[in-house]
Amino acid sequence: MGLMDNPLFRAVLNSGYSYKGRRTIMGPKRQRISKCTFAPLVLASIRNLPGPLMRRSIVIEMRRVPSIKRQGLIEFNENDPAQQEMFAHVYVALRHWAWHTQVNPFPDMPSQLSTLPQQAWGPLVAVADACSLAVGDIVRRAAITIAGSAEEPRLLALGHMFEIFNLPLDADDGVVVPKEAHREINRYKEQLTSETVTATLHRHDPVWDAWCGEDGKRQPHPITSGEFARLFRDWHVRAKPIWSHGSNKDRICARGWRYEDFSELWADYDIGVTPSHASKVIDLARHTKRKRGVSTDDV
């Protein structure tokens, strides 16, 4: 689709989520053409789309149907009279419902959803409420289940950092070590170099291959170690020099991350905390301060 190389196309799609969405372009005769871009949009893609578009979308992961269930499916055939009749009945029913139903354009949204998921799910929740209160509750629960984890980039990064620290060091599906020397520095559930984390991110989730910056306005590109590190700055967690084992003259140093620097944050956001461990987490004042991006030195 050219989304990675065509900024105008991306801008049109990014602005279409809001009823105020509008783009002005220059016509063939140098005239300004302004058009409303607010419209429903369905995209299918093998890889992830640019970050801002993903965060403004309802993402449905498609998987191949198991062969045991495939036998019961009906293959779509637009020339099949039976299917034509069925779709005609559905169209008439939907049109009648649309003409005779009052929809609240500003429904109450679940507080568990952040701003962008609320905007994406708003129209579906409004339609569901117009059907019945029970249907509205079902759609709200679905929104929390599907989009509740589609939070801001720094929370996504925090969750991915936990998963990477728990990957094996010497396995095909483990961490990606870009430099052989870093194998001596990396230690399971203890420390990882910044370059190791960034290289593993790109294989771990394609969303980091199309990073557009925290504001979503930059050209899509693979996220760098420095950009990834900036996502943790509000929590005052920074990459530090980490060393390999051995005598002083043989030790190797590189900038990296320590497992212990994230343990409190993971507990605060219930990332990797099992029910048995959750009861042992104590809500100290410093935890609350770090959640708000306040240095623990100020407590």
Protein backbone atom coordinates (compact mmCIF):
# COMPACT_ATOMS: atom_id res chain seq x y z
CA MET A 1 0.00 0.00 0.00
CA GLY A 2 3.00 2.27 0.22
CA LEU A 3 2.20 3.47 3.75
CA MET A 4 5.85 3.50 4.74
CA ASP A 5 6.90 5.64 1.77
CA ASN A 6 3.87 7.88 1.17
CA PRO A 7 3.42 10.48 3.96
CA LEU A 8 0.34 12.02 2.31
CA PHE A 9 -1.45 8.66 2.22
CA ARG A 10 -0.58 8.08 5.88
CA ALA A 11 -1.83 11.55 6.80
CA VAL A 12 -5.17 10.95 5.08
CA LEU A 13 -5.69 7.65 6.91
CA ASN A 14 -4.53 9.06 10.26
CA SER A 15 -6.96 11.98 10.07
CA GLY A 16 -10.00 9.89 9.09
CA TYR A 17 -10.71 8.57 12.59
CA SER A 18 -12.37 11.87 13.68
CA TYR A 19 -15.49 13.53 12.31
CA LYS A 20 -13.37 16.69 12.13
CA GLY A 21 -10.83 14.97 9.92
CA ARG A 22 -9.92 16.94 6.80
CA ARG A 23 -6.93 17.17 4.47
CA THR A 24 -6.05 19.88 1.96
CA ILE A 25 -3.98 18.94 -1.08
CA MET A 26 -2.78 20.78 -4.17
CA GLY A 27 -4.74 19.90 -7.33
CA PRO A 28 -3.32 19.38 -10.85
CA LYS A 29 -3.89 23.05 -11.66
CA ARG A 30 -2.28 24.27 -8.42
CA GLN A 31 -5.67 24.77 -6.81
CA ARG A 32 -6.24 23.87 -3.15
CA ILE A 33 -8.63 20.94 -2.69
CA SER A 34 -9.99 20.32 0.81
CA LYS A 35 -11.85 17.08 1.54
CA CYS A 36 -13.34 15.48 4.61
CA THR A 37 -11.51 12.24 5.44
CA PHE A 38 -13.88 10.92 8.12
CA ALA A 39 -14.94 7.44 7.00
CA PRO A 40 -14.88 3.80 8.12
CA LEU A 41 -11.80 1.96 6.90
CA VAL A 42 -10.84 -1.71 6.80
CA LEU A 43 -7.25 -2.74 6.07
CA ALA A 44 -5.70 -6.19 5.86
CA SER A 45 -1.96 -6.56 6.24
CA ILE A 46 0.55 -9.32 6.88
CA ARG A 47 2.79 -6.99 8.90
CA ASN A 48 1.90 -4.19 11.30
CA LEU A 49 0.97 -0.74 10.05
CA PRO A 50 2.59 2.54 11.21
CA GLY A 51 2.22 3.10 14.94
CA PRO A 52 -0.35 5.96 14.98
CA LEU A 53 -2.62 4.08 12.58
CA MET A 54 -2.36 0.92 14.67
CA ARG A 55 -3.23 2.81 17.87
CA ARG A 56 -6.30 4.35 16.24
CA SER A 57 -7.54 1.01 14.92
CA ILE A 58 -9.37 -1.99 16.27
CA VAL A 59 -6.81 -4.69 15.57
CA ILE A 60 -8.20 -8.17 14.92
CA GLU A 61 -5.54 -10.86 14.58
CA MET A 62 -6.51 -13.31 11.83
CA ARG A 63 -5.47 -16.95 12.01
CA ARG A 64 -5.92 -19.88 9.67
CA VAL A 65 -8.92 -22.01 10.60
CA PRO A 66 -7.91 -25.50 11.77
CA SER A 67 -8.68 -28.19 9.20
CA ILE A 68 -11.10 -29.90 11.57
CA LYS A 69 -13.30 -26.78 11.59
CA ARG A 70 -12.79 -25.85 7.95
CA GLN A 71 -15.23 -28.50 6.76
CA GLY A 72 -18.17 -26.73 8.38
CA LEU A 73 -17.48 -23.36 6.72
CA ILE A 74 -19.35 -22.11 3.65
CA GLU A 75 -17.12 -20.68 0.95
CA PHE A 76 -18.15 -17.20 -0.16
CA ASN A 77 -19.59 -17.14 -3.69
CA GLU A 78 -21.14 -13.92 -4.93
CA ASN A 79 -22.90 -15.82 -7.73
CA ASP A 80 -24.63 -18.27 -5.39
CA PRO A 81 -28.41 -17.48 -5.39
CA ALA A 82 -28.82 -18.67 -1.81
CA GLN A 83 -26.04 -16.37 -0.57
CA GLN A 84 -27.36 -13.47 -2.66
CA GLU A 85 -30.77 -13.86 -1.01
CA MET A 86 -29.26 -14.06 2.47
CA PHE A 87 -27.19 -10.88 1.98
CA ALA A 88 -30.22 -9.08 0.53
CA HIS A 89 -32.23 -9.83 3.68
CA VAL A 90 -29.35 -8.65 5.87
CA TYR A 91 -29.04 -5.41 3.87
CA VAL A 92 -32.77 -4.65 4.16
CA ALA A 93 -32.75 -5.32 7.91
CA LEU A 94 -29.71 -3.13 8.51
CA ARG A 95 -31.08 -0.30 6.41
CA HIS A 96 -34.41 -0.41 8.26
CA TRP A 97 -32.59 -0.39 11.62
CA ALA A 98 -30.39 2.56 10.60
CA TRP A 99 -33.37 4.66 9.52
CA HIS A 100 -35.42 4.00 12.67
CA THR A 101 -32.78 4.02 15.42
CA GLN A 102 -31.42 6.96 17.39
CA VAL A 103 -27.70 6.54 18.12
CA ASN A 104 -25.89 8.40 20.89
CA PRO A 105 -22.66 9.67 19.27
CA PHE A 106 -20.95 10.10 22.66
CA PRO A 107 -21.52 6.88 24.66
CA ASP A 108 -19.94 6.21 28.03
CA MET A 109 -16.64 4.45 27.46
CA PRO A 110 -14.80 2.02 29.77
CA SER A 111 -12.24 3.79 31.94
CA GLN A 112 -9.78 0.93 31.31
CA LEU A 113 -9.26 2.19 27.75
CA SER A 114 -6.81 4.97 27.00
CA THR A 115 -7.69 7.90 24.72
CA LEU A 116 -6.99 6.42 21.27
CA PRO A 117 -8.74 3.07 21.89
CA GLN A 118 -11.74 4.97 23.24
CA GLN A 119 -11.93 6.96 20.00
CA ALA A 120 -11.64 3.79 17.92
CA TRP A 121 -14.28 1.84 19.83
CA GLY A 122 -16.70 4.77 20.33
CA PRO A 123 -18.81 4.18 17.16
CA LEU A 124 -19.14 0.43 17.84
CA VAL A 125 -20.18 1.05 21.43
CA ALA A 126 -22.73 3.64 20.27
CA VAL A 127 -24.26 1.17 17.81
CA ALA A 128 -24.27 -1.57 20.45
CA ASP A 129 -26.07 0.67 22.96
CA ALA A 130 -28.69 1.40 20.30
CA CYS A 131 -29.36 -2.33 20.03
CA SER A 132 -29.80 -2.92 23.75
CA LEU A 133 -28.05 -2.38 27.08
CA ALA A 134 -27.02 -6.04 27.11
CA VAL A 135 -25.33 -5.76 23.72
CA GLY A 136 -23.64 -2.56 24.86
CA ASP A 137 -22.18 -4.37 27.88
CA ILE A 138 -20.91 -7.20 25.66
CA VAL A 139 -19.14 -4.79 23.31
CA ARG A 140 -17.59 -2.87 26.21
CA ARG A 141 -16.19 -6.08 27.66
CA ALA A 142 -14.86 -7.01 24.23
CA ALA A 143 -13.20 -3.59 23.93
CA ILE A 144 -11.46 -4.02 27.28
CA THR A 145 -10.27 -7.51 26.33
CA ILE A 146 -9.00 -6.53 22.88
CA ALA A 147 -7.78 -2.98 23.40
CA GLY A 148 -7.17 -2.83 27.14
CA SER A 149 -3.52 -3.70 26.55
CA ALA A 150 -3.12 -1.39 23.55
CA GLU A 151 -1.76 1.35 25.75
CA GLU A 152 0.70 4.11 25.15
CA PRO A 153 4.07 3.11 23.68
CA ARG A 154 5.97 3.26 26.96
CA LEU A 155 3.66 0.67 28.54
CA LEU A 156 4.00 -1.54 25.49
CA ALA A 157 7.77 -1.17 25.79
CA LEU A 158 7.63 -2.05 29.49
CA GLY A 159 5.77 -5.27 28.76
CA HIS A 160 8.11 -6.21 25.93
CA MET A 161 11.12 -5.54 28.14
CA PHE A 162 9.81 -8.09 30.65
CA GLU A 163 9.28 -10.67 27.90
CA ILE A 164 12.77 -10.11 26.47
CA PHE A 165 14.45 -10.46 29.86
CA ASN A 166 12.70 -13.82 30.23
CA LEU A 167 13.84 -15.18 26.87
CA PRO A 168 16.64 -17.76 26.85
CA LEU A 169 20.10 -16.50 25.94
CA ASP A 170 21.27 -19.45 23.84
CA ALA A 171 18.30 -20.61 21.77
CA ASP A 172 16.92 -20.00 18.29
CA ASP A 173 13.85 -18.34 19.77
CA GLY A 174 15.83 -16.47 22.43
CA VAL A 175 17.37 -13.02 22.47
CA VAL A 176 19.13 -11.69 19.39
CA VAL A 177 22.78 -10.88 20.08
CA PRO A 178 24.07 -8.43 17.41
CA LYS A 179 27.70 -8.58 18.56
CA GLU A 180 29.56 -11.67 19.66
CA ALA A 181 31.26 -9.78 22.50
CA HIS A 182 27.87 -9.03 24.06
CA ARG A 183 27.37 -12.74 24.78
CA GLU A 184 29.85 -12.35 27.62
CA ILE A 185 27.92 -9.39 29.06
CA ASN A 186 24.33 -10.66 28.76
CA ARG A 187 23.08 -12.63 31.75
CA TYR A 188 19.65 -14.24 32.03
CA LYS A 189 17.23 -12.25 34.22
CA GLU A 190 20.08 -10.01 35.28
CA GLN A 191 21.33 -7.70 32.50
CA LEU A 192 21.18 -7.22 28.72
CA THR A 193 23.00 -4.77 26.46
CA SER A 194 20.95 -2.05 24.77
CA GLU A 195 21.85 -3.36 21.32
CA THR A 196 20.70 -6.85 22.28
CA VAL A 197 17.35 -5.52 23.50
CA THR A 198 16.79 -3.42 20.36
CA ALA A 199 17.71 -6.26 18.00
CA THR A 200 15.37 -8.61 19.85
CA LEU A 201 12.56 -6.04 19.75
CA HIS A 202 12.54 -6.01 15.96
CA ARG A 203 12.06 -9.76 15.86
CA HIS A 204 9.72 -9.79 18.85
CA ASP A 205 7.07 -7.42 17.49
CA PRO A 206 6.97 -5.74 14.04
CA VAL A 207 5.41 -2.61 15.58
CA TRP A 208 8.96 -1.45 16.42
CA ASP A 209 9.98 -1.72 12.74
CA ALA A 210 7.63 1.12 11.83
CA TRP A 211 8.29 3.52 14.69
CA CYS A 212 7.03 7.05 13.99
CA GLY A 213 8.22 8.71 17.19
CA GLU A 214 6.25 9.25 20.37
CA ASP A 215 4.19 11.95 18.66
CA GLY A 216 3.58 9.78 15.58
CA LYS A 217 4.78 12.48 13.17
CA ARG A 218 8.11 11.09 12.01
CA GLN A 219 8.83 8.93 8.99
CA PRO A 220 8.36 5.22 9.85
CA HIS A 221 11.68 3.58 10.71
CA PRO A 222 13.08 0.83 12.94
CA ILE A 223 13.32 2.15 16.48
CA THR A 224 16.85 2.84 17.71
CA SER A 225 18.34 2.04 21.11
CA GLY A 226 18.25 5.74 22.05
CA GLU A 227 14.60 6.16 21.07
CA PHE A 228 13.63 3.04 23.00
CA ALA A 229 15.53 4.29 26.06
CA ARG A 230 13.63 7.60 26.00
CA LEU A 231 10.35 5.74 26.55
CA PHE A 232 11.47 5.02 30.14
CA ARG A 233 12.70 8.51 31.01
CA ASP A 234 9.54 9.49 32.97
CA TRP A 235 10.14 6.52 35.26
CA HIS A 236 13.80 7.56 35.73
CA VAL A 237 15.01 4.19 34.44
CA ARG A 238 18.07 4.60 32.23
CA ALA A 239 20.56 2.39 30.42
CA LYS A 240 23.81 2.08 32.38
CA PRO A 241 27.29 0.66 31.81
CA ILE A 242 27.16 -3.09 32.42
CA TRP A 243 30.13 -5.43 32.59
CA SER A 244 31.01 -9.01 31.81
CA HIS A 245 32.40 -11.42 34.41
CA GLY A 246 36.13 -11.92 34.82
CA SER A 247 39.18 -10.06 36.03
CA ASN A 248 39.33 -6.31 35.64
CA LYS A 249 41.70 -6.38 32.67
CA ASP A 250 39.54 -8.90 30.77
CA ARG A 251 36.10 -7.45 31.48
CA ILE A 252 33.99 -5.97 28.65
CA CYS A 253 31.65 -3.01 29.08
CA ALA A 254 28.61 -1.79 27.14
CA ARG A 255 25.53 0.27 27.87
CA GLY A 256 22.58 -1.85 28.85
CA TRP A 257 19.65 -2.60 31.12
CA ARG A 258 19.44 -4.30 34.48
CA TYR A 259 16.55 -6.57 35.43
CA GLU A 260 16.39 -5.12 38.94
CA ASP A 261 15.76 -1.60 37.60
CA PHE A 262 12.43 -2.72 36.15
CA SER A 263 11.20 -5.07 38.87
CA GLU A 264 9.26 -2.40 40.76
CA LEU A 265 7.64 -1.06 37.60
CA TRP A 266 6.59 -4.53 36.48
CA ALA A 267 5.00 -5.07 39.89
CA ASP A 268 3.26 -1.67 39.74
CA TYR A 269 1.65 -2.51 36.39
CA ASP A 270 1.03 -6.21 37.18
CA ILE A 271 3.38 -7.30 34.40
CA GLY A 272 4.54 -10.84 35.06
CA VAL A 273 3.11 -10.81 38.61
CA THR A 274 1.37 -14.10 39.36
CA PRO A 275 -1.57 -14.22 41.82
CA SER A 276 0.68 -15.76 44.49
CA HIS A 277 3.21 -12.95 44.06
CA ALA A 278 0.65 -10.17 43.84
CA SER A 279 -0.23 -10.52 47.53
CA LYS A 280 3.40 -9.85 48.40
CA VAL A 281 3.60 -6.55 46.52
CA ILE A 282 3.61 -3.63 48.96
CA ASP A 283 2.37 -0.25 47.74
CA LEU A 284 5.22 1.93 49.00
CA ALA A 285 5.21 5.68 48.55
CA ARG A 286 8.13 5.47 46.13
CA HIS A 287 6.06 3.17 43.87
CA THR A 288 3.30 5.74 43.62
CA LYS A 289 5.79 8.50 42.90
CA ARG A 290 7.46 6.54 40.13
CA LYS A 291 4.10 5.86 38.52
CA ARG A 292 3.62 9.59 38.21
CA GLY A 293 7.11 10.17 36.83
CA VAL A 294 8.42 11.77 40.03
CA SER A 295 11.95 10.98 41.15
CA THR A 296 12.22 8.84 44.29
CA ASP A 297 14.76 11.37 45.55
CA ASP A 298 11.89 13.84 46.06
CA VAL A 299 10.02 11.56 48.46
